[in-house]
Each structure stands twice: as C-alpha cells, then as structure tokens.
C-alpha atoms as a PDB file:
ATOM      1  CA  MET A   1     -17.425 -48.025-157.620  1.00  0.00           C
ATOM      2  CA  LYS A   2     -16.500 -50.666-155.046  1.00  0.00           C
ATOM      3  CA  LYS A   3     -13.690 -48.431-153.776  1.00  0.00           C
ATOM      4  CA  LYS A   4     -16.152 -45.562-153.276  1.00  0.00           C
ATOM      5  CA  VAL A   5     -18.583 -47.787-151.310  1.00  0.00           C
ATOM      6  CA  VAL A   6     -15.782 -49.126-149.109  1.00  0.00           C
ATOM      7  CA  LEU A   7     -14.519 -45.615-148.487  1.00  0.00           C
ATOM      8  CA  LEU A   8     -17.991 -44.369-147.538  1.00  0.00           C
ATOM      9  CA  ILE A   9     -18.501 -47.297-145.155  1.00  0.00           C
ATOM     10  CA  ALA A  10     -15.099 -46.628-143.530  1.00  0.00           C
ATOM     11  CA  VAL A  11     -15.929 -42.956-143.082  1.00  0.00           C
ATOM     12  CA  PHE A  12     -19.337 -43.846-141.610  1.00  0.00           C
ATOM     13  CA  ILE A  13     -17.809 -46.317-139.126  1.00  0.00           C
ATOM     14  CA  LEU A  14     -15.081 -43.909-138.082  1.00  0.00           C
ATOM     15  CA  GLY A  15     -17.566 -41.082-137.744  1.00  0.00           C
ATOM     16  CA  THR A  16     -19.929 -43.197-135.615  1.00  0.00           C
ATOM     17  CA  GLY A  17     -17.119 -44.372-133.368  1.00  0.00           C
ATOM     18  CA  PHE A  18     -15.803 -40.857-132.883  1.00  0.00           C
ATOM     19  CA  GLY A  19     -19.303 -39.651-132.106  1.00  0.00           C
ATOM     20  CA  SER A  20     -19.692 -42.384-129.498  1.00  0.00           C
ATOM     21  CA  ILE A  21     -16.381 -41.491-127.919  1.00  0.00           C
ATOM     22  CA  MET A  22     -17.366 -37.834-127.804  1.00  0.00           C
ATOM     23  CA  THR A  23     -20.715 -38.763-126.236  1.00  0.00           C
ATOM     24  CA  VAL A  24     -19.061 -40.886-123.540  1.00  0.00           C
ATOM     25  CA  ASP A  25     -16.563 -38.141-122.795  1.00  0.00           C
ATOM     26  CA  THR A  26     -19.348 -35.581-122.601  1.00  0.00           C
ATOM     27  CA  LYS A  27     -21.355 -37.767-120.205  1.00  0.00           C
ATOM     28  CA  ALA A  28     -18.305 -38.407-118.064  1.00  0.00           C
ATOM     29  CA  ASN A  29     -17.556 -34.693-117.902  1.00  0.00           C
ATOM     30  CA  THR A  30     -21.194 -33.957-117.087  1.00  0.00           C
ATOM     31  CA  SER A  31     -21.146 -36.538-114.264  1.00  0.00           C
ATOM     32  CA  THR A  32     -17.972 -34.998-112.901  1.00  0.00           C
ATOM     33  CA  VAL A  33     -19.482 -31.517-112.969  1.00  0.00           C
ATOM     34  CA  LEU A  34     -22.681 -32.713-111.296  1.00  0.00           C
ATOM     35  CA  ALA A  35     -20.713 -34.520-108.601  1.00  0.00           C
ATOM     36  CA  SER A  36     -18.655 -31.396-107.982  1.00  0.00           C
ATOM     37  CA  VAL A  37     -21.754 -29.201-107.750  1.00  0.00           C
ATOM     38  CA  GLU A  38     -23.445 -31.600-105.325  1.00  0.00           C
ATOM     39  CA  TRP A  39     -20.320 -31.629-103.151  1.00  0.00           C
ATOM     40  CA  VAL A  40     -20.168 -27.833-103.089  1.00  0.00           C
ATOM     41  CA  ILE A  41     -23.885 -27.593-102.258  1.00  0.00           C
ATOM     42  CA  SER A  42     -23.444 -30.094 -99.422  1.00  0.00           C
ATOM     43  CA  LYS A  43     -20.782 -27.824 -97.941  1.00  0.00           C
ATOM     44  CA  ILE A  44     -22.618 -24.552 -98.531  1.00  0.00           C
ATOM     45  CA  THR A  45     -26.038 -25.592 -97.159  1.00  0.00           C
ATOM     46  CA  PRO A  46     -24.946 -26.013 -93.495  1.00  0.00           C
ATOM     47  CA  MET A  47     -23.188 -22.638 -93.703  1.00  0.00           C
ATOM     48  CA  GLU A  48     -26.338 -20.995 -95.087  1.00  0.00           C
ATOM     49  CA  ASN A  49     -28.429 -22.537 -92.312  1.00  0.00           C
ATOM     50  CA  ARG A  50     -26.011 -21.254 -89.687  1.00  0.00           C
ATOM     51  CA  ILE A  51     -25.948 -17.769 -91.254  1.00  0.00           C
ATOM     52  CA  ASN A  52     -29.767 -17.675 -91.349  1.00  0.00           C
ATOM     53  CA  GLU A  53     -29.902 -18.705 -87.699  1.00  0.00           C
ATOM     54  CA  LEU A  54     -27.467 -15.960 -86.694  1.00  0.00           C
ATOM     55  CA  GLU A  55     -29.357 -13.376 -88.788  1.00  0.00           C
ATOM     56  CA  ASP A  56     -32.615 -14.342 -87.044  1.00  0.00           C
ATOM     57  CA  ARG A  57     -30.977 -13.851 -83.654  1.00  0.00           C
ATOM     58  CA  VAL A  58     -29.595 -10.444 -84.658  1.00  0.00           C
ATOM     59  CA  ASP A  59     -33.021  -9.349 -85.962  1.00  0.00           C
ATOM     60  CA  ASN A  60     -34.652 -10.568 -82.778  1.00  0.00           C
ATOM     61  CA  LEU A  61     -32.234  -8.658 -80.574  1.00  0.00           C
ATOM     62  CA  SER A  62     -32.439  -5.531 -82.760  1.00  0.00           C
ATOM     63  CA  SER A  63     -36.212  -5.461 -82.356  1.00  0.00           C
ATOM     64  CA  GLY A  64     -35.833  -5.523 -78.581  1.00  0.00           C
ATOM     65  CA  GLY A  65     -36.603  -9.197 -78.178  1.00  0.00           C
ATOM     66  CA  GLY A  66     -34.566 -11.765 -76.326  1.00  0.00           C
ATOM     67  CA  ASN A  67     -33.806 -15.377 -76.986  1.00  0.00           C
ATOM     68  CA  THR A  68     -36.658 -17.866 -77.143  1.00  0.00           C
ATOM     69  CA  PRO A  69     -36.716 -21.394 -75.688  1.00  0.00           C
ATOM     70  CA  GLU A  70     -36.100 -22.654 -79.233  1.00  0.00           C
ATOM     71  CA  THR A  71     -32.786 -20.820 -79.618  1.00  0.00           C
ATOM     72  CA  PRO A  72     -30.471 -21.664 -76.715  1.00  0.00           C
ATOM     73  CA  VAL A  73     -26.911 -20.379 -77.030  1.00  0.00           C
ATOM     74  CA  ARG A  74     -23.803 -22.438 -76.317  1.00  0.00           C
ATOM     75  CA  GLY A  75     -21.882 -21.063 -73.344  1.00  0.00           C
ATOM     76  CA  THR A  76     -24.759 -18.790 -72.261  1.00  0.00           C
ATOM     77  CA  SER A  77     -27.848 -20.953 -71.835  1.00  0.00           C
ATOM     78  CA  ASP A  78     -28.297 -23.578 -69.142  1.00  0.00           C
ATOM     79  CA  VAL A  79     -29.984 -26.962 -69.023  1.00  0.00           C
ATOM     80  CA  ILE A  80     -31.804 -27.503 -65.735  1.00  0.00           C
ATOM     81  CA  THR A  81     -32.850 -31.005 -64.765  1.00  0.00           C
ATOM     82  CA  THR A  82     -36.506 -31.435 -63.811  1.00  0.00           C
ATOM     83  CA  THR A  83     -35.986 -34.816 -62.147  1.00  0.00           C
ATOM     84  CA  ASN A  84     -33.140 -36.976 -60.901  1.00  0.00           C
ATOM     85  CA  THR A  85     -31.451 -38.019 -64.123  1.00  0.00           C
ATOM     86  CA  SER A  86     -28.269 -39.339 -65.695  1.00  0.00           C
ATOM     87  CA  VAL A  87     -25.778 -37.417 -67.768  1.00  0.00           C
ATOM     88  CA  LYS A  88     -24.874 -39.986 -70.418  1.00  0.00           C
ATOM     89  CA  ARG A  89     -21.704 -40.413 -72.473  1.00  0.00           C
ATOM     90  CA  GLY A  90     -23.846 -40.336 -75.619  1.00  0.00           C
ATOM     91  CA  ALA A  91     -27.350 -39.429 -76.798  1.00  0.00           C
ATOM     92  CA  SER A  92     -28.963 -42.790 -76.066  1.00  0.00           C
ATOM     93  CA  ALA A  93     -30.156 -44.631 -72.970  1.00  0.00           C
ATOM     94  CA  GLY A  94     -27.699 -47.397 -73.790  1.00  0.00           C
ATOM     95  CA  TYR A  95     -24.670 -45.226 -73.066  1.00  0.00           C
ATOM     96  CA  GLU A  96     -22.830 -45.343 -69.740  1.00  0.00           C
ATOM     97  CA  ASP A  97     -23.655 -42.780 -67.046  1.00  0.00           C
ATOM     98  CA  MET A  98     -21.089 -40.034 -66.519  1.00  0.00           C
ATOM     99  CA  VAL A  99     -22.830 -38.751 -63.400  1.00  0.00           C
ATOM    100  CA  VAL A 100     -26.311 -39.009 -61.891  1.00  0.00           C
ATOM    101  CA  VAL A 101     -27.584 -35.562 -60.929  1.00  0.00           C
ATOM    102  CA  PRO A 102     -30.519 -34.493 -58.756  1.00  0.00           C
ATOM    103  CA  LYS A 103     -33.505 -32.411 -59.792  1.00  0.00           C
ATOM    104  CA  GLY A 104     -32.560 -28.762 -60.242  1.00  0.00           C
ATOM    105  CA  THR A 105     -28.972 -29.366 -61.346  1.00  0.00           C
ATOM    106  CA  ILE A 106     -27.748 -26.532 -63.569  1.00  0.00           C
ATOM    107  CA  LEU A 107     -25.648 -27.654 -66.531  1.00  0.00           C
ATOM    108  CA  SER A 108     -24.056 -25.568 -69.277  1.00  0.00           C
ATOM    109  CA  TYR A 109     -25.880 -25.951 -72.613  1.00  0.00           C
ATOM    110  CA  TYR A 110     -23.665 -27.145 -75.481  1.00  0.00           C
ATOM    111  CA  ASP A 111     -25.937 -28.344 -78.301  1.00  0.00           C
ATOM    112  CA  THR A 112     -29.179 -30.148 -79.189  1.00  0.00           C
ATOM    113  CA  TYR A 113     -29.229 -33.588 -80.794  1.00  0.00           C
ATOM    114  CA  LYS A 114     -32.073 -35.764 -82.102  1.00  0.00           C
ATOM    115  CA  ASN A 115     -31.519 -39.509 -82.075  1.00  0.00           C
ATOM    116  CA  SER A 116     -32.636 -40.644 -85.549  1.00  0.00           C
ATOM    117  CA  ILE A 117     -33.356 -44.168 -84.307  1.00  0.00           C
ATOM    118  CA  THR A 118     -35.428 -43.420 -81.193  1.00  0.00           C
ATOM    119  CA  ASN A 119     -36.582 -39.904 -82.220  1.00  0.00           C
ATOM    120  CA  GLU A 120     -35.595 -38.740 -78.726  1.00  0.00           C
ATOM    121  CA  LYS A 121     -34.284 -35.209 -78.294  1.00  0.00           C
ATOM    122  CA  TRP A 122     -31.180 -34.829 -76.145  1.00  0.00           C
ATOM    123  CA  TYR A 123     -29.400 -31.787 -74.800  1.00  0.00           C
ATOM    124  CA  LEU A 124     -25.628 -31.983 -74.945  1.00  0.00           C
ATOM    125  CA  VAL A 125     -24.173 -30.349 -71.839  1.00  0.00           C
ATOM    126  CA  LYS A 126     -20.693 -29.346 -70.781  1.00  0.00           C
ATOM    127  CA  LEU A 127     -19.751 -30.392 -67.266  1.00  0.00           C
ATOM    128  CA  SER A 128     -17.529 -28.326 -64.996  1.00  0.00           C
ATOM    129  CA  ASN A 129     -14.608 -30.653 -65.725  1.00  0.00           C
ATOM    130  CA  GLY A 130     -14.864 -29.869 -69.446  1.00  0.00           C
ATOM    131  CA  LYS A 131     -16.391 -33.188 -70.480  1.00  0.00           C
ATOM    132  CA  VAL A 132     -19.484 -33.180 -72.718  1.00  0.00           C
ATOM    133  CA  GLY A 133     -22.417 -35.458 -71.930  1.00  0.00           C
ATOM    134  CA  ALA A 134     -26.066 -35.848 -72.918  1.00  0.00           C
ATOM    135  CA  VAL A 135     -29.290 -35.296 -70.961  1.00  0.00           C
ATOM    136  CA  LEU A 136     -32.706 -36.424 -72.221  1.00  0.00           C
ATOM    137  CA  SER A 137     -34.844 -33.361 -72.974  1.00  0.00           C
ATOM    138  CA  GLN A 138     -37.847 -34.938 -71.233  1.00  0.00           C
ATOM    139  CA  SER A 139     -35.863 -34.841 -67.985  1.00  0.00           C
ATOM    140  CA  SER A 140     -34.766 -31.229 -68.283  1.00  0.00           C
ATOM    141  CA  THR A 141     -35.627 -27.746 -69.422  1.00  0.00           C
ATOM    142  CA  ILE A 142     -33.746 -24.880 -71.062  1.00  0.00           C
ATOM    143  CA  ASP A 143     -33.008 -21.502 -69.482  1.00  0.00           C
ATOM    144  CA  VAL A 144     -31.932 -19.558 -72.569  1.00  0.00           C
ATOM    145  CA  ASP A 145     -30.440 -16.578 -70.728  1.00  0.00           C
ATOM    146  CA  GLY A 146     -28.659 -18.618 -68.066  1.00  0.00           C
ATOM    147  CA  ASP A 147     -29.890 -19.512 -64.602  1.00  0.00           C
ATOM    148  CA  THR A 148     -29.125 -17.117 -61.740  1.00  0.00           C
ATOM    149  CA  SER A 149     -30.734 -19.075 -58.920  1.00  0.00           C
ATOM    150  CA  THR A 150     -29.175 -19.441 -55.512  1.00  0.00           C
ATOM    151  CA  TYR A 151     -27.474 -22.807 -55.321  1.00  0.00           C
ATOM    152  CA  ALA A 152     -28.454 -25.299 -52.629  1.00  0.00           C
ATOM    153  CA  LYS A 153     -26.514 -28.451 -53.522  1.00  0.00           C
ATOM    154  CA  VAL A 154     -23.499 -29.750 -55.362  1.00  0.00           C
ATOM    155  CA  VAL A 155     -23.131 -33.140 -57.031  1.00  0.00           C
ATOM    156  CA  ILE A 156     -19.666 -34.606 -57.557  1.00  0.00           C
ATOM    157  CA  ASN A 157     -18.921 -35.335 -61.252  1.00  0.00           C
ATOM    158  CA  GLU A 158     -15.656 -37.218 -60.609  1.00  0.00           C
ATOM    159  CA  ASN A 159     -13.849 -38.475 -57.517  1.00  0.00           C
ATOM    160  CA  THR A 160     -12.323 -35.518 -55.692  1.00  0.00           C
ATOM    161  CA  PRO A 161     -10.751 -34.703 -52.310  1.00  0.00           C
ATOM    162  CA  ALA A 162     -12.675 -32.591 -49.813  1.00  0.00           C
ATOM    163  CA  ARG A 163     -10.070 -30.339 -48.149  1.00  0.00           C
ATOM    164  CA  ARG A 164      -9.944 -28.284 -44.957  1.00  0.00           C
ATOM    165  CA  GLY A 165      -9.477 -25.133 -47.037  1.00  0.00           C
ATOM    166  CA  ALA A 166      -9.575 -23.796 -50.577  1.00  0.00           C
ATOM    167  CA  SER A 167      -6.050 -24.783 -51.567  1.00  0.00           C
ATOM    168  CA  LYS A 168      -4.305 -27.995 -52.542  1.00  0.00           C
ATOM    169  CA  ASP A 169      -1.955 -27.363 -49.609  1.00  0.00           C
ATOM    170  CA  TYR A 170      -4.720 -28.107 -47.104  1.00  0.00           C
ATOM    171  CA  ALA A 171      -5.201 -31.558 -45.617  1.00  0.00           C
ATOM    172  CA  VAL A 172      -7.830 -33.873 -47.090  1.00  0.00           C
ATOM    173  CA  TYR A 173     -10.845 -34.756 -44.957  1.00  0.00           C
ATOM    174  CA  GLN A 174     -12.035 -37.464 -47.291  1.00  0.00           C
ATOM    175  CA  THR A 175     -12.341 -38.375 -50.963  1.00  0.00           C
ATOM    176  CA  LEU A 176     -15.808 -37.786 -52.378  1.00  0.00           C
ATOM    177  CA  THR A 177     -17.000 -40.173 -55.061  1.00  0.00           C
ATOM    178  CA  THR A 178     -18.935 -39.474 -58.261  1.00  0.00           C
ATOM    179  CA  ASN A 179     -22.708 -38.877 -57.753  1.00  0.00           C
ATOM    180  CA  THR A 180     -22.291 -37.751 -54.110  1.00  0.00           C
ATOM    181  CA  VAL A 181     -24.726 -34.919 -53.333  1.00  0.00           C
ATOM    182  CA  LEU A 182     -23.735 -32.371 -50.664  1.00  0.00           C
ATOM    183  CA  THR A 183     -24.985 -29.065 -49.266  1.00  0.00           C
ATOM    184  CA  TYR A 184     -23.631 -25.981 -51.037  1.00  0.00           C
ATOM    185  CA  ILE A 185     -22.393 -23.116 -48.854  1.00  0.00           C
ATOM    186  CA  SER A 186     -20.550 -20.675 -51.105  1.00  0.00           C
ATOM    187  CA  THR A 187     -18.157 -20.186 -54.017  1.00  0.00           C
ATOM    188  CA  TYR A 188     -14.561 -19.007 -53.638  1.00  0.00           C
ATOM    189  CA  LYS A 189     -11.937 -18.110 -56.236  1.00  0.00           C
ATOM    190  CA  ASP A 190      -8.285 -18.309 -55.152  1.00  0.00           C
ATOM    191  CA  PRO A 191      -5.567 -15.837 -56.274  1.00  0.00           C
ATOM    192  CA  SER A 192      -4.737 -18.006 -59.299  1.00  0.00           C
ATOM    193  CA  GLY A 193      -8.346 -17.810 -60.498  1.00  0.00           C
ATOM    194  CA  GLN A 194      -9.201 -21.407 -59.589  1.00  0.00           C
ATOM    195  CA  GLY A 195     -12.769 -21.827 -58.408  1.00  0.00           C
ATOM    196  CA  TRP A 196     -13.726 -23.730 -55.262  1.00  0.00           C
ATOM    197  CA  TYR A 197     -17.055 -24.721 -53.735  1.00  0.00           C
ATOM    198  CA  ILE A 198     -17.350 -24.561 -49.990  1.00  0.00           C
ATOM    199  CA  ILE A 199     -19.647 -27.426 -49.003  1.00  0.00           C
ATOM    200  CA  LYS A 200     -20.992 -29.174 -45.910  1.00  0.00           C
ATOM    201  CA  LEU A 201     -20.026 -32.802 -45.459  1.00  0.00           C
ATOM    202  CA  SER A 202     -22.436 -35.426 -44.129  1.00  0.00           C
ATOM    203  CA  ASP A 203     -20.753 -35.195 -40.700  1.00  0.00           C
ATOM    204  CA  GLY A 204     -21.421 -31.440 -40.541  1.00  0.00           C
ATOM    205  CA  ARG A 205     -17.884 -30.233 -41.251  1.00  0.00           C
ATOM    206  CA  SER A 206     -17.297 -27.557 -43.865  1.00  0.00           C
ATOM    207  CA  ALA A 207     -14.866 -28.403 -46.646  1.00  0.00           C
ATOM    208  CA  ALA A 208     -13.616 -27.103 -49.985  1.00  0.00           C
ATOM    209  CA  ILE A 209     -13.691 -28.902 -53.337  1.00  0.00           C
ATOM    210  CA  LEU A 210     -12.529 -27.822 -56.794  1.00  0.00           C
ATOM    211  CA  SER A 211     -15.459 -26.371 -58.719  1.00  0.00           C
ATOM    212  CA  ASP A 212     -14.283 -28.309 -61.794  1.00  0.00           C
ATOM    213  CA  HIS A 213     -15.217 -31.535 -60.023  1.00  0.00           C
ATOM    214  CA  ALA A 214     -18.846 -30.733 -59.197  1.00  0.00           C
ATOM    215  CA  GLU A 215     -22.094 -29.416 -60.646  1.00  0.00           C
ATOM    216  CA  VAL A 216     -24.388 -27.035 -58.771  1.00  0.00           C
ATOM    217  CA  ALA A 217     -28.103 -27.540 -58.187  1.00  0.00           C
ATOM    218  CA  LYS A 218     -30.983 -25.451 -56.879  1.00  0.00           C
END
C-alpha cells in the first residue's frame, strides 16, 4: 500500500512539473510569436500609409483634379518664403543657420516634419548645392505644382566666386559670401550642362556664378 501511495505521489509531482514546463514553453513561444507579429506590423504600417497616399494622388489625378496644398511632392513642389527667414540645419530654432534668405525665395520641397517637442511644423528643403535644410512653415508657403515666377534676386548659399563669364576659365571679380543678395539677370547653361546665374554686382558690373551656389527669389 505504501509503495502505491509513493508511486502515485511521484507520478503527480512529475506530471505537475512537466505541465509547468510545457506552460512556460508555450508562453515563451507565444511571446516570441507576438513580438514577431508586432515587428512585422511596424514594418508594414508605414508601407500601407505610403501606398494609400499614392492611391489618393492617382485617384485625384484620374478625376481631373490636381495636387492640393496638403500633398506637396518632393522634387516638384516648391517652398516659397513669405518673410526674410533662415534655412536651418535641423527642424528647430536652436540649429545653426545654413543661409538666411529674403522674402520670396523659391526652395525645392523635400519633406514635411513636425517637431514633437515644440509642435512646430517645418518644411525640409533641398538647396541648389544639394544640401537639405529646414524652414519654419509659418515663414513660408507651399506651391504644390512648382513656382514659375520671374526671378528678381539670388541669394548666395555658400561662398562662391563671381566671374567675368559663365566658365571657370574666366577671371574672378570677387568672392561672394553666404547670405549675399544680388540682382538676378538671367540663367545660362554651358555646353557641359552646368547651370549659371548671370547677376548684377553691387558696383553695377554683370557677373556669372554657379547656380549650385545660389537660390533664386521673386
């Protein structure tokens, strides 16, 4: 009788332990599955949002509509400054200025960013030299289809030589520094495809600068 009781107790203990082990393993596997699903969802959701955005644009265009101010397009839309403002190195007033541009400066739209700390909306813009900066939305407006205004001014985005002609072979009149604003005359593209702005210097002389080193303004 004692042997039977001992045997039953042993079986009970072993069975309980095995059940516990199975439960732990099941929970661990469940946690792993849940973690995997959450990871996949985190990757899929941004893709779904992007697909929905593109589908909305296609539907809008198919129905004969154009873009709206809420849907600017990278590489097509422009950001136009509504006051003298700074293009910052980041989407916060604390970042260093890349260039200070006058009212009416036309910048290529790159993206929109909301600062989660200040709740400020910033437009990320691509300068002519390829660098990306940020402009506060309150100091600018969006032209979704791209601005086609006649230019009146240029603002230098990095130090650049003003030459006697539209070629690096021409002599340099002077070196123009970042933030310098000058009168725009015309645009010229040399045989290699390099763009140049013909501008008027403060002393009245006409000169040529690389278009990569300046932004245009109305």
